[in-house]
C-alpha cells in the first residue's frame, strides 16, 4: 500500500492502518524513521483495542523508543494484548513476569503465559517453557516435558 493511502486510512481512524503506519515509521520504510511518530500511531491503534498495536507500544515502552522507558506501562499493554490471545504479547508478558520487569516476579504466571503462546506455535515461548520445565520454575521440574518443548521450538 502506498504511504499516502496508508496515512489517509490511519488519519481516518482505522486501527490496522494506524499500526501499520507505526511500523513504517519504526522501520523507516517509505518514510523517514521516527520512533516518536511510530509510538504515536501505535498508541492510537492500541487505545482502540488493536492487539498488535498494544504489543508494539509495549515494546516501545520496554526499549524507551519514541516514549520514555516505562516497564510498568509495557507490562500493562502486553497484558491487554495477551488477554486477546496475541501470542507475541503472551510471550512478552511471560518475560515480564519471569524477570519482574514492570510487574511482580512470578514464575508460575510466566509459565502460564509462555504456555498460551507456545500452544500457538510461538517458538520463543516454546523454548522458554522448556526452560521452565528444565529448571522447575513456575512448573514442576520435568526433563521429558522440557525436551518436548525444546524440540517444538527447534
N, C-alpha and C. Protein backbone atom coordinates (compact mmCIF):
# COMPACT_ATOMS: atom_id res chain seq x y z
N UNK A 1 0.85 -1.17 0.00
CA UNK A 1 0.00 0.00 0.00
C UNK A 1 0.90 1.24 0.00
N UNK A 2 0.52 2.21 -0.79
CA UNK A 2 1.26 3.46 -0.85
C UNK A 2 1.16 4.19 0.48
N UNK A 3 2.21 4.91 0.83
CA UNK A 3 2.27 5.58 2.13
C UNK A 3 1.15 6.60 2.28
N UNK A 4 0.82 7.32 1.22
CA UNK A 4 -0.23 8.34 1.33
C UNK A 4 -1.59 7.71 1.61
N UNK A 5 -1.87 6.59 0.96
CA UNK A 5 -3.13 5.88 1.20
C UNK A 5 -3.18 5.38 2.65
N UNK A 6 -2.04 4.86 3.11
CA UNK A 6 -1.96 4.37 4.48
C UNK A 6 -2.19 5.50 5.48
N UNK A 7 -1.57 6.65 5.23
CA UNK A 7 -1.75 7.81 6.11
C UNK A 7 -3.22 8.24 6.14
N UNK A 8 -3.86 8.26 4.98
CA UNK A 8 -5.26 8.67 4.90
C UNK A 8 -6.15 7.74 5.74
N UNK A 9 -5.93 6.43 5.61
CA UNK A 9 -6.70 5.47 6.39
C UNK A 9 -6.41 5.61 7.88
N UNK A 10 -5.13 5.80 8.23
CA UNK A 10 -4.75 5.94 9.64
C UNK A 10 -5.37 7.19 10.24
N UNK A 11 -5.29 8.29 9.50
CA UNK A 11 -5.86 9.55 9.99
C UNK A 11 -7.38 9.46 10.10
N UNK A 12 -7.98 8.55 9.32
CA UNK A 12 -9.43 8.33 9.39
C UNK A 12 -9.84 7.44 10.56
N UNK A 13 -8.85 6.93 11.29
CA UNK A 13 -9.16 6.17 12.49
C UNK A 13 -9.08 4.65 12.35
N UNK A 14 -8.62 4.15 11.20
CA UNK A 14 -8.52 2.71 11.02
C UNK A 14 -7.33 2.18 11.83
N UNK A 15 -7.63 1.33 12.83
CA UNK A 15 -6.61 0.86 13.77
C UNK A 15 -5.51 0.05 13.09
N UNK A 16 -5.88 -0.82 12.18
CA UNK A 16 -4.85 -1.62 11.49
C UNK A 16 -3.91 -0.71 10.70
N UNK A 17 -4.47 0.28 10.03
CA UNK A 17 -3.64 1.23 9.27
C UNK A 17 -2.77 2.06 10.21
N UNK A 18 -3.31 2.44 11.35
CA UNK A 18 -2.51 3.19 12.33
C UNK A 18 -1.32 2.35 12.79
N UNK A 19 -1.57 1.08 13.08
CA UNK A 19 -0.48 0.20 13.49
C UNK A 19 0.54 0.04 12.37
N UNK A 20 0.05 -0.17 11.15
CA UNK A 20 0.96 -0.34 10.01
C UNK A 20 1.76 0.91 9.71
N UNK A 21 1.15 2.06 9.90
CA UNK A 21 1.89 3.31 9.73
C UNK A 21 2.96 3.43 10.81
N UNK A 22 2.61 3.03 12.02
CA UNK A 22 3.61 2.99 13.09
C UNK A 22 4.79 2.10 12.72
N UNK A 23 4.50 0.94 12.13
CA UNK A 23 5.58 0.04 11.70
C UNK A 23 6.47 0.70 10.65
N UNK A 24 5.85 1.43 9.73
CA UNK A 24 6.62 2.12 8.69
C UNK A 24 7.57 3.14 9.32
N UNK A 25 7.07 3.90 10.27
CA UNK A 25 7.92 4.88 10.95
C UNK A 25 8.99 4.18 11.79
N UNK A 26 8.63 3.08 12.41
CA UNK A 26 9.59 2.32 13.23
C UNK A 26 10.76 1.83 12.38
N UNK A 27 10.44 1.33 11.18
CA UNK A 27 11.45 0.73 10.31
C UNK A 27 12.01 1.68 9.27
N UNK A 28 11.42 2.86 9.14
CA UNK A 28 11.88 3.80 8.13
C UNK A 28 11.59 3.33 6.72
N UNK A 29 10.44 2.68 6.52
CA UNK A 29 10.07 2.18 5.20
C UNK A 29 9.05 3.11 4.55
N UNK A 30 9.49 3.83 3.52
CA UNK A 30 8.61 4.75 2.82
C UNK A 30 8.50 6.11 3.49
N UNK A 31 9.04 6.22 4.70
CA UNK A 31 9.08 7.46 5.46
C UNK A 31 10.41 7.51 6.20
N UNK A 32 10.77 8.69 6.67
CA UNK A 32 11.98 8.80 7.48
C UNK A 32 11.72 8.13 8.82
N UNK A 33 12.66 7.32 9.27
CA UNK A 33 12.49 6.63 10.55
C UNK A 33 12.29 7.64 11.67
N UNK A 34 11.26 7.37 12.49
CA UNK A 34 10.92 8.28 13.58
C UNK A 34 10.19 7.48 14.65
N UNK A 35 10.91 7.12 15.70
CA UNK A 35 10.32 6.29 16.74
C UNK A 35 9.19 7.00 17.50
N UNK A 36 9.28 8.30 17.64
CA UNK A 36 8.22 9.03 18.33
C UNK A 36 6.91 8.95 17.54
N UNK A 37 6.99 9.12 16.22
CA UNK A 37 5.79 9.02 15.39
C UNK A 37 5.27 7.57 15.38
N UNK A 38 6.19 6.62 15.38
CA UNK A 38 5.78 5.22 15.44
C UNK A 38 4.97 4.97 16.71
N UNK A 39 5.51 5.41 17.82
CA UNK A 39 4.82 5.21 19.11
C UNK A 39 3.47 5.92 19.12
N UNK A 40 3.43 7.10 18.54
CA UNK A 40 2.17 7.85 18.48
C UNK A 40 1.09 7.07 17.73
N UNK A 41 1.45 6.48 16.58
CA UNK A 41 0.47 5.72 15.81
C UNK A 41 0.12 4.41 16.48
N UNK A 42 1.11 3.75 17.09
CA UNK A 42 0.81 2.52 17.84
C UNK A 42 -0.19 2.83 18.96
N UNK A 43 0.05 3.93 19.66
CA UNK A 43 -0.80 4.32 20.79
C UNK A 43 -2.24 4.51 20.34
N UNK A 44 -2.42 5.18 19.20
CA UNK A 44 -3.78 5.43 18.70
C UNK A 44 -4.50 4.11 18.42
N UNK A 45 -3.80 3.19 17.78
CA UNK A 45 -4.41 1.89 17.47
C UNK A 45 -4.61 1.07 18.74
N UNK A 46 -3.65 1.13 19.65
CA UNK A 46 -3.72 0.38 20.90
C UNK A 46 -4.93 0.81 21.72
N UNK A 47 -5.18 2.10 21.76
CA UNK A 47 -6.31 2.62 22.52
C UNK A 47 -7.65 2.17 21.95
N UNK A 48 -7.64 1.73 20.68
CA UNK A 48 -8.85 1.19 20.07
C UNK A 48 -8.98 -0.33 20.32
N UNK A 49 -8.01 -0.89 21.04
CA UNK A 49 -8.07 -2.31 21.35
C UNK A 49 -7.39 -3.21 20.35
N UNK A 50 -6.59 -2.65 19.45
CA UNK A 50 -5.91 -3.44 18.42
C UNK A 50 -4.70 -4.13 19.05
N UNK A 51 -4.77 -5.46 19.17
CA UNK A 51 -3.79 -6.23 19.94
C UNK A 51 -2.35 -6.06 19.44
N UNK A 52 -2.13 -6.08 18.15
CA UNK A 52 -0.76 -5.94 17.64
C UNK A 52 -0.17 -4.60 18.03
N UNK A 53 -0.98 -3.56 17.97
CA UNK A 53 -0.50 -2.24 18.35
C UNK A 53 -0.25 -2.17 19.85
N UNK A 54 -1.09 -2.84 20.63
CA UNK A 54 -0.87 -2.88 22.08
C UNK A 54 0.47 -3.52 22.39
N UNK A 55 0.78 -4.59 21.67
CA UNK A 55 2.08 -5.24 21.86
C UNK A 55 3.21 -4.32 21.38
N UNK A 56 3.01 -3.68 20.24
CA UNK A 56 4.05 -2.80 19.70
C UNK A 56 4.34 -1.61 20.61
N UNK A 57 3.30 -1.00 21.18
CA UNK A 57 3.54 0.12 22.09
C UNK A 57 4.20 -0.40 23.37
N UNK A 58 3.88 -1.62 23.76
CA UNK A 58 4.57 -2.24 24.89
C UNK A 58 6.06 -2.35 24.64
N UNK A 59 6.42 -2.78 23.44
CA UNK A 59 7.85 -2.88 23.07
C UNK A 59 8.50 -1.50 23.11
N UNK A 60 7.78 -0.48 22.64
CA UNK A 60 8.32 0.89 22.70
C UNK A 60 8.65 1.27 24.14
N UNK A 61 7.73 0.94 25.06
CA UNK A 61 7.96 1.27 26.47
C UNK A 61 9.11 0.46 27.07
N UNK A 62 9.26 -0.79 26.68
CA UNK A 62 10.37 -1.60 27.17
C UNK A 62 11.70 -0.98 26.75
N UNK A 63 11.78 -0.60 25.48
CA UNK A 63 13.04 -0.11 24.92
C UNK A 63 13.25 1.39 25.06
N UNK A 64 12.20 2.11 25.47
CA UNK A 64 12.32 3.56 25.54
C UNK A 64 12.51 4.19 24.17
N UNK A 65 11.84 3.62 23.16
CA UNK A 65 11.93 4.15 21.80
C UNK A 65 10.67 4.92 21.46
N UNK A 66 10.80 6.23 21.32
CA UNK A 66 9.67 7.09 20.98
C UNK A 66 8.85 7.51 22.18
N UNK A 67 9.10 6.88 23.31
CA UNK A 67 8.45 7.19 24.58
C UNK A 67 9.49 7.03 25.67
N UNK A 68 9.20 7.59 26.83
CA UNK A 68 10.10 7.38 27.96
C UNK A 68 9.98 5.93 28.41
N UNK A 69 11.10 5.30 28.66
CA UNK A 69 11.09 3.89 29.09
C UNK A 69 10.25 3.74 30.35
N UNK A 70 9.35 2.75 30.31
CA UNK A 70 8.47 2.52 31.44
C UNK A 70 8.01 1.06 31.40
N UNK A 71 8.63 0.23 32.21
CA UNK A 71 8.34 -1.20 32.19
C UNK A 71 6.93 -1.51 32.72
N UNK A 72 6.43 -0.70 33.61
CA UNK A 72 5.07 -0.92 34.11
C UNK A 72 4.05 -0.73 33.00
N UNK A 73 4.19 0.36 32.24
CA UNK A 73 3.27 0.59 31.11
C UNK A 73 3.43 -0.50 30.07
N UNK A 74 4.67 -0.96 29.85
CA UNK A 74 4.89 -2.04 28.88
C UNK A 74 4.11 -3.28 29.30
N UNK A 75 4.23 -3.67 30.56
CA UNK A 75 3.53 -4.86 31.05
C UNK A 75 2.01 -4.69 30.93
N UNK A 76 1.52 -3.48 31.19
CA UNK A 76 0.08 -3.23 31.08
C UNK A 76 -0.40 -3.42 29.65
N UNK A 77 0.35 -2.91 28.67
CA UNK A 77 -0.03 -3.07 27.27
C UNK A 77 0.09 -4.51 26.82
N UNK A 78 1.16 -5.20 27.26
CA UNK A 78 1.30 -6.61 26.92
C UNK A 78 0.12 -7.41 27.46
N UNK A 79 -0.30 -7.07 28.68
CA UNK A 79 -1.43 -7.77 29.32
C UNK A 79 -2.69 -7.62 28.47
N UNK A 80 -2.96 -6.41 28.00
CA UNK A 80 -4.17 -6.17 27.21
C UNK A 80 -4.16 -7.00 25.92
N UNK A 81 -3.02 -7.03 25.26
CA UNK A 81 -2.93 -7.79 24.01
C UNK A 81 -2.92 -9.29 24.29
N UNK A 82 -2.25 -9.69 25.37
CA UNK A 82 -2.18 -11.12 25.72
C UNK A 82 -3.56 -11.68 26.01
N UNK A 83 -4.37 -10.90 26.69
CA UNK A 83 -5.73 -11.35 27.02
C UNK A 83 -6.60 -11.53 25.78
N UNK A 84 -6.19 -10.91 24.68
CA UNK A 84 -6.91 -11.09 23.41
C UNK A 84 -6.37 -12.29 22.64
N UNK A 85 -5.37 -12.97 23.21
CA UNK A 85 -4.83 -14.16 22.57
C UNK A 85 -3.67 -13.92 21.63
N UNK A 86 -3.09 -12.73 21.66
CA UNK A 86 -1.98 -12.41 20.76
C UNK A 86 -0.69 -13.03 21.30
N UNK A 87 -0.17 -14.03 20.60
CA UNK A 87 0.94 -14.86 21.08
C UNK A 87 2.20 -14.06 21.42
N UNK A 88 2.56 -13.10 20.59
CA UNK A 88 3.76 -12.30 20.86
C UNK A 88 3.63 -11.58 22.20
N UNK A 89 2.46 -11.06 22.47
CA UNK A 89 2.23 -10.36 23.74
C UNK A 89 2.20 -11.34 24.91
N UNK A 90 1.64 -12.51 24.70
CA UNK A 90 1.63 -13.52 25.75
C UNK A 90 3.06 -13.88 26.14
N UNK A 91 3.90 -14.08 25.13
CA UNK A 91 5.31 -14.36 25.39
C UNK A 91 5.97 -13.19 26.13
N UNK A 92 5.75 -11.99 25.63
CA UNK A 92 6.36 -10.79 26.23
C UNK A 92 5.91 -10.60 27.67
N UNK A 93 4.64 -10.87 27.94
CA UNK A 93 4.13 -10.76 29.31
C UNK A 93 4.79 -11.84 30.18
N UNK A 94 4.97 -13.02 29.63
CA UNK A 94 5.69 -14.07 30.35
C UNK A 94 7.09 -13.63 30.73
N UNK A 95 7.77 -12.97 29.81
CA UNK A 95 9.12 -12.45 30.09
C UNK A 95 9.06 -11.42 31.21
N UNK A 96 8.06 -10.56 31.17
CA UNK A 96 7.90 -9.56 32.24
C UNK A 96 7.75 -10.24 33.60
N UNK A 97 6.89 -11.26 33.65
CA UNK A 97 6.71 -11.97 34.92
C UNK A 97 7.99 -12.70 35.34
N UNK A 98 8.66 -13.32 34.42
CA UNK A 98 9.88 -14.07 34.76
C UNK A 98 10.97 -13.16 35.30
N UNK A 99 11.05 -11.96 34.75
CA UNK A 99 12.13 -11.05 35.12
C UNK A 99 11.71 -10.00 36.15
N UNK A 100 10.43 -9.98 36.51
CA UNK A 100 9.95 -8.95 37.42
C UNK A 100 10.12 -7.57 36.80
N UNK A 101 9.83 -7.49 35.53
CA UNK A 101 10.03 -6.26 34.76
C UNK A 101 8.70 -5.53 34.61
N UNK A 102 8.47 -4.53 35.46
CA UNK A 102 7.24 -3.75 35.40
C UNK A 102 6.07 -4.42 36.09
N UNK A 103 6.35 -5.56 36.69
CA UNK A 103 5.31 -6.37 37.32
C UNK A 103 6.03 -7.26 38.33
N UNK A 104 5.34 -7.69 39.36
CA UNK A 104 5.99 -8.52 40.37
C UNK A 104 6.43 -9.86 39.77
N UNK A 105 7.66 -10.25 40.05
CA UNK A 105 8.18 -11.51 39.52
C UNK A 105 7.32 -12.68 39.99
N UNK A 106 6.95 -13.53 39.02
CA UNK A 106 6.10 -14.66 39.33
C UNK A 106 6.32 -15.71 38.24
N UNK A 107 7.11 -16.74 38.55
CA UNK A 107 7.43 -17.76 37.56
C UNK A 107 6.21 -18.60 37.16
N UNK A 108 5.27 -18.76 38.08
CA UNK A 108 4.07 -19.52 37.74
C UNK A 108 3.28 -18.80 36.65
N UNK A 109 3.09 -17.49 36.81
CA UNK A 109 2.38 -16.72 35.79
C UNK A 109 3.19 -16.65 34.50
N UNK A 110 4.52 -16.56 34.63
CA UNK A 110 5.37 -16.56 33.43
C UNK A 110 5.14 -17.84 32.64
N UNK A 111 5.17 -18.97 33.32
CA UNK A 111 4.99 -20.26 32.65
C UNK A 111 3.60 -20.36 32.03
N UNK A 112 2.59 -19.83 32.70
CA UNK A 112 1.23 -19.86 32.16
C UNK A 112 1.14 -19.08 30.85
N UNK A 113 1.76 -17.90 30.82
CA UNK A 113 1.72 -17.09 29.59
C UNK A 113 2.59 -17.70 28.50
N UNK A 114 3.74 -18.26 28.87
CA UNK A 114 4.55 -18.97 27.87
C UNK A 114 3.75 -20.11 27.26
N UNK A 115 3.02 -20.84 28.12
CA UNK A 115 2.22 -21.98 27.66
C UNK A 115 1.20 -21.54 26.61
N UNK A 116 0.51 -20.44 26.89
CA UNK A 116 -0.52 -19.95 25.96
C UNK A 116 0.10 -19.62 24.59
N UNK A 117 1.23 -18.94 24.61
CA UNK A 117 1.90 -18.59 23.35
C UNK A 117 2.50 -19.83 22.69
N UNK A 118 3.07 -20.72 23.49
CA UNK A 118 3.69 -21.93 22.97
C UNK A 118 2.68 -22.80 22.25
N UNK A 119 1.48 -22.89 22.79
CA UNK A 119 0.43 -23.69 22.17
C UNK A 119 -0.01 -23.13 20.82
N UNK A 120 0.31 -21.87 20.58
CA UNK A 120 0.00 -21.25 19.28
C UNK A 120 1.17 -21.39 18.31
N UNK A 121 2.22 -22.09 18.75
CA UNK A 121 3.37 -22.33 17.88
C UNK A 121 4.45 -21.26 17.95
N UNK A 122 4.38 -20.39 18.94
CA UNK A 122 5.36 -19.32 19.08
C UNK A 122 6.66 -19.91 19.63
N UNK A 123 7.67 -20.00 18.78
CA UNK A 123 8.91 -20.74 19.10
C UNK A 123 9.64 -20.21 20.33
N UNK A 124 9.74 -18.90 20.48
CA UNK A 124 10.44 -18.36 21.65
C UNK A 124 9.75 -18.78 22.94
N UNK A 125 8.43 -18.81 22.93
CA UNK A 125 7.68 -19.24 24.11
C UNK A 125 7.86 -20.73 24.35
N UNK A 126 7.92 -21.51 23.29
CA UNK A 126 8.16 -22.94 23.43
C UNK A 126 9.51 -23.18 24.11
N UNK A 127 10.51 -22.43 23.67
CA UNK A 127 11.84 -22.57 24.27
C UNK A 127 11.81 -22.17 25.75
N UNK A 128 11.20 -21.02 26.05
CA UNK A 128 11.13 -20.55 27.43
C UNK A 128 10.34 -21.52 28.32
N UNK A 129 9.28 -22.10 27.77
CA UNK A 129 8.50 -23.06 28.53
C UNK A 129 9.35 -24.31 28.80
N UNK A 130 10.11 -24.72 27.81
CA UNK A 130 11.04 -25.83 28.01
C UNK A 130 12.02 -25.52 29.13
N UNK A 131 12.53 -24.29 29.14
CA UNK A 131 13.46 -23.86 30.20
C UNK A 131 12.78 -23.93 31.56
N UNK A 132 11.51 -23.49 31.62
CA UNK A 132 10.77 -23.54 32.89
C UNK A 132 10.70 -24.98 33.40
N UNK A 133 10.38 -25.92 32.51
CA UNK A 133 10.31 -27.32 32.92
C UNK A 133 11.68 -27.86 33.31
N UNK A 134 12.70 -27.47 32.60
CA UNK A 134 14.06 -27.94 32.92
C UNK A 134 14.50 -27.45 34.30
N UNK A 135 14.19 -26.19 34.60
CA UNK A 135 14.63 -25.57 35.85
C UNK A 135 13.63 -25.74 37.00
N UNK A 136 12.41 -26.16 36.67
CA UNK A 136 11.37 -26.23 37.69
C UNK A 136 10.93 -24.85 38.15
N UNK A 137 10.89 -23.92 37.23
CA UNK A 137 10.49 -22.54 37.53
C UNK A 137 9.04 -22.32 37.11
N UNK A 138 8.15 -22.22 38.07
CA UNK A 138 6.74 -21.97 37.79
C UNK A 138 5.95 -23.21 37.46
N UNK A 139 6.65 -24.31 37.25
CA UNK A 139 6.04 -25.61 36.96
C UNK A 139 6.87 -26.66 37.69
N UNK A 140 6.30 -27.85 37.82
CA UNK A 140 7.08 -28.93 38.42
C UNK A 140 8.19 -29.34 37.45
N UNK A 141 9.39 -29.49 37.96
CA UNK A 141 10.54 -29.86 37.13
C UNK A 141 10.24 -31.18 36.41
N UNK A 142 10.48 -31.18 35.08
CA UNK A 142 10.16 -32.35 34.29
C UNK A 142 11.03 -32.33 33.03
N UNK A 143 12.08 -33.15 33.01
CA UNK A 143 13.01 -33.17 31.88
C UNK A 143 12.33 -33.62 30.59
N UNK A 144 11.39 -34.53 30.69
CA UNK A 144 10.70 -35.03 29.50
C UNK A 144 9.92 -33.91 28.84
N UNK A 145 9.15 -33.16 29.63
CA UNK A 145 8.40 -32.04 29.07
C UNK A 145 9.34 -30.95 28.56
N UNK A 146 10.46 -30.75 29.26
CA UNK A 146 11.43 -29.76 28.80
C UNK A 146 11.91 -30.11 27.40
N UNK A 147 12.28 -31.36 27.19
CA UNK A 147 12.77 -31.79 25.87
C UNK A 147 11.67 -31.65 24.82
N UNK A 148 10.43 -32.02 25.18
CA UNK A 148 9.33 -31.89 24.23
C UNK A 148 9.18 -30.46 23.75
N UNK A 149 9.24 -29.50 24.68
CA UNK A 149 9.07 -28.09 24.29
C UNK A 149 10.30 -27.57 23.54
N UNK A 150 11.48 -28.01 23.94
CA UNK A 150 12.69 -27.61 23.21
C UNK A 150 12.62 -28.11 21.76
N UNK A 151 12.15 -29.32 21.56
CA UNK A 151 12.04 -29.87 20.22
C UNK A 151 11.02 -29.12 19.39
N UNK A 152 9.91 -28.75 20.00
CA UNK A 152 8.91 -27.96 19.27
C UNK A 152 9.49 -26.61 18.86
N UNK A 153 10.28 -26.03 19.76
CA UNK A 153 10.89 -24.73 19.46
C UNK A 153 11.88 -24.85 18.31
N UNK A 154 12.59 -25.97 18.27
CA UNK A 154 13.60 -26.18 17.23
C UNK A 154 12.94 -26.38 15.89
